[in-house]
């Protein structure tokens, strides 16, 4: 059973992205999510990152809440 707390930093690590606070802020500032585009379909993900996001959301996995939070941050 996965007992990790799925914070934004842990999600970034899971996606293979730098996850220090300044790295996350930089990513958010430079990767806007266009209105109406689902997070897993954004053009800045690799194929494996997009698949992870899509599958986690489809399965309503424990990651879904963190992914939704990331989508909201990227939309602003």
C-alpha atoms as a PDB file:
ATOM      1  CA  UNK A   1       0.000   0.000   0.000  1.00  0.00           C
ATOM      2  CA  UNK A   2       1.248   3.467  -0.905  1.00  0.00           C
ATOM      3  CA  UNK A   3       1.474   5.549   2.268  1.00  0.00           C
ATOM      4  CA  UNK A   4       3.270   8.566   0.788  1.00  0.00           C
ATOM      5  CA  UNK A   5       1.789  11.976   1.316  1.00  0.00           C
ATOM      6  CA  UNK A   6       1.149  13.172  -2.194  1.00  0.00           C
ATOM      7  CA  UNK A   7       2.304  16.761  -1.950  1.00  0.00           C
ATOM      8  CA  UNK A   8       3.071  18.910  -4.954  1.00  0.00           C
ATOM      9  CA  UNK A   9       6.797  18.346  -4.377  1.00  0.00           C
ATOM     10  CA  UNK A  10       6.301  14.572  -4.299  1.00  0.00           C
ATOM     11  CA  UNK A  11       4.200  14.762  -7.471  1.00  0.00           C
ATOM     12  CA  UNK A  12       6.982  16.682  -9.226  1.00  0.00           C
ATOM     13  CA  UNK A  13       9.464  14.009  -8.134  1.00  0.00           C
ATOM     14  CA  UNK A  14       7.110  11.281  -9.397  1.00  0.00           C
ATOM     15  CA  UNK A  15       7.000  13.074 -12.745  1.00  0.00           C
ATOM     16  CA  UNK A  16      10.812  13.213 -12.824  1.00  0.00           C
ATOM     17  CA  UNK A  17      10.892  16.985 -12.425  1.00  0.00           C
ATOM     18  CA  UNK A  18      13.037  19.059 -10.069  1.00  0.00           C
ATOM     19  CA  UNK A  19      10.948  19.535  -6.944  1.00  0.00           C
ATOM     20  CA  UNK A  20      12.596  22.230  -4.841  1.00  0.00           C
ATOM     21  CA  UNK A  21      10.203  25.105  -4.080  1.00  0.00           C
ATOM     22  CA  UNK A  22      11.964  27.446  -6.508  1.00  0.00           C
ATOM     23  CA  UNK A  23      11.855  24.779  -9.239  1.00  0.00           C
ATOM     24  CA  UNK A  24       8.118  24.308  -8.755  1.00  0.00           C
ATOM     25  CA  UNK A  25       7.526  28.065  -8.851  1.00  0.00           C
ATOM     26  CA  UNK A  26       9.586  28.327 -12.044  1.00  0.00           C
ATOM     27  CA  UNK A  27       7.642  25.475 -13.659  1.00  0.00           C
ATOM     28  CA  UNK A  28       4.309  27.056 -12.733  1.00  0.00           C
ATOM     29  CA  UNK A  29       5.432  30.410 -14.135  1.00  0.00           C
ATOM     30  CA  UNK A  30       6.640  28.979 -17.445  1.00  0.00           C
ATOM     31  CA  UNK A  31       4.038  26.287 -18.185  1.00  0.00           C
ATOM     32  CA  UNK A  32       0.586  27.849 -18.382  1.00  0.00           C
ATOM     33  CA  UNK A  33      -2.255  25.400 -18.964  1.00  0.00           C
ATOM     34  CA  UNK A  34      -4.496  26.756 -21.725  1.00  0.00           C
ATOM     35  CA  UNK A  35      -8.155  27.140 -20.827  1.00  0.00           C
ATOM     36  CA  UNK A  36     -10.105  23.982 -21.563  1.00  0.00           C
ATOM     37  CA  UNK A  37      -7.051  21.755 -21.995  1.00  0.00           C
ATOM     38  CA  UNK A  38      -6.994  18.806 -19.584  1.00  0.00           C
ATOM     39  CA  UNK A  39      -3.739  18.654 -17.652  1.00  0.00           C
ATOM     40  CA  UNK A  40      -2.731  15.300 -19.157  1.00  0.00           C
ATOM     41  CA  UNK A  41      -3.104  16.751 -22.672  1.00  0.00           C
ATOM     42  CA  UNK A  42      -0.831  19.748 -22.139  1.00  0.00           C
ATOM     43  CA  UNK A  43       1.942  19.831 -24.711  1.00  0.00           C
ATOM     44  CA  UNK A  44       4.738  20.258 -22.160  1.00  0.00           C
ATOM     45  CA  UNK A  45       4.571  16.689 -20.775  1.00  0.00           C
ATOM     46  CA  UNK A  46       6.560  13.766 -22.077  1.00  0.00           C
ATOM     47  CA  UNK A  47       4.524  10.764 -23.218  1.00  0.00           C
ATOM     48  CA  UNK A  48       5.214   8.909 -19.967  1.00  0.00           C
ATOM     49  CA  UNK A  49       4.328  11.930 -17.803  1.00  0.00           C
ATOM     50  CA  UNK A  50       1.065  12.432 -19.695  1.00  0.00           C
ATOM     51  CA  UNK A  51       0.217   8.734 -19.365  1.00  0.00           C
ATOM     52  CA  UNK A  52       0.846   8.828 -15.612  1.00  0.00           C
ATOM     53  CA  UNK A  53      -1.367  11.894 -15.185  1.00  0.00           C
ATOM     54  CA  UNK A  54      -4.139  10.487 -17.382  1.00  0.00           C
ATOM     55  CA  UNK A  55      -4.165   7.083 -15.685  1.00  0.00           C
ATOM     56  CA  UNK A  56      -4.070   8.536 -12.174  1.00  0.00           C
ATOM     57  CA  UNK A  57      -7.046  10.765 -12.945  1.00  0.00           C
ATOM     58  CA  UNK A  58      -9.000   8.032 -14.748  1.00  0.00           C
ATOM     59  CA  UNK A  59      -8.511   5.654 -11.822  1.00  0.00           C
ATOM     60  CA  UNK A  60      -9.172   8.408  -9.255  1.00  0.00           C
ATOM     61  CA  UNK A  61      -5.914   7.281  -7.679  1.00  0.00           C
ATOM     62  CA  UNK A  62      -4.415   8.836  -4.577  1.00  0.00           C
ATOM     63  CA  UNK A  63      -2.446  11.118  -6.900  1.00  0.00           C
ATOM     64  CA  UNK A  64      -5.638  12.631  -8.341  1.00  0.00           C
ATOM     65  CA  UNK A  65      -5.973  15.308  -5.660  1.00  0.00           C
ATOM     66  CA  UNK A  66      -2.391  16.514  -6.174  1.00  0.00           C
ATOM     67  CA  UNK A  67      -2.831  16.448  -9.949  1.00  0.00           C
ATOM     68  CA  UNK A  68      -6.020  18.502  -9.664  1.00  0.00           C
ATOM     69  CA  UNK A  69      -4.187  21.003  -7.452  1.00  0.00           C
ATOM     70  CA  UNK A  70      -1.391  21.248 -10.031  1.00  0.00           C
ATOM     71  CA  UNK A  71      -3.926  21.782 -12.818  1.00  0.00           C
ATOM     72  CA  UNK A  72      -5.476  24.629 -10.849  1.00  0.00           C
ATOM     73  CA  UNK A  73      -2.086  26.249 -10.240  1.00  0.00           C
ATOM     74  CA  UNK A  74      -1.162  25.961 -13.924  1.00  0.00           C
ATOM     75  CA  UNK A  75      -4.472  27.512 -14.950  1.00  0.00           C
ATOM     76  CA  UNK A  76      -3.880  30.792 -13.139  1.00  0.00           C
END
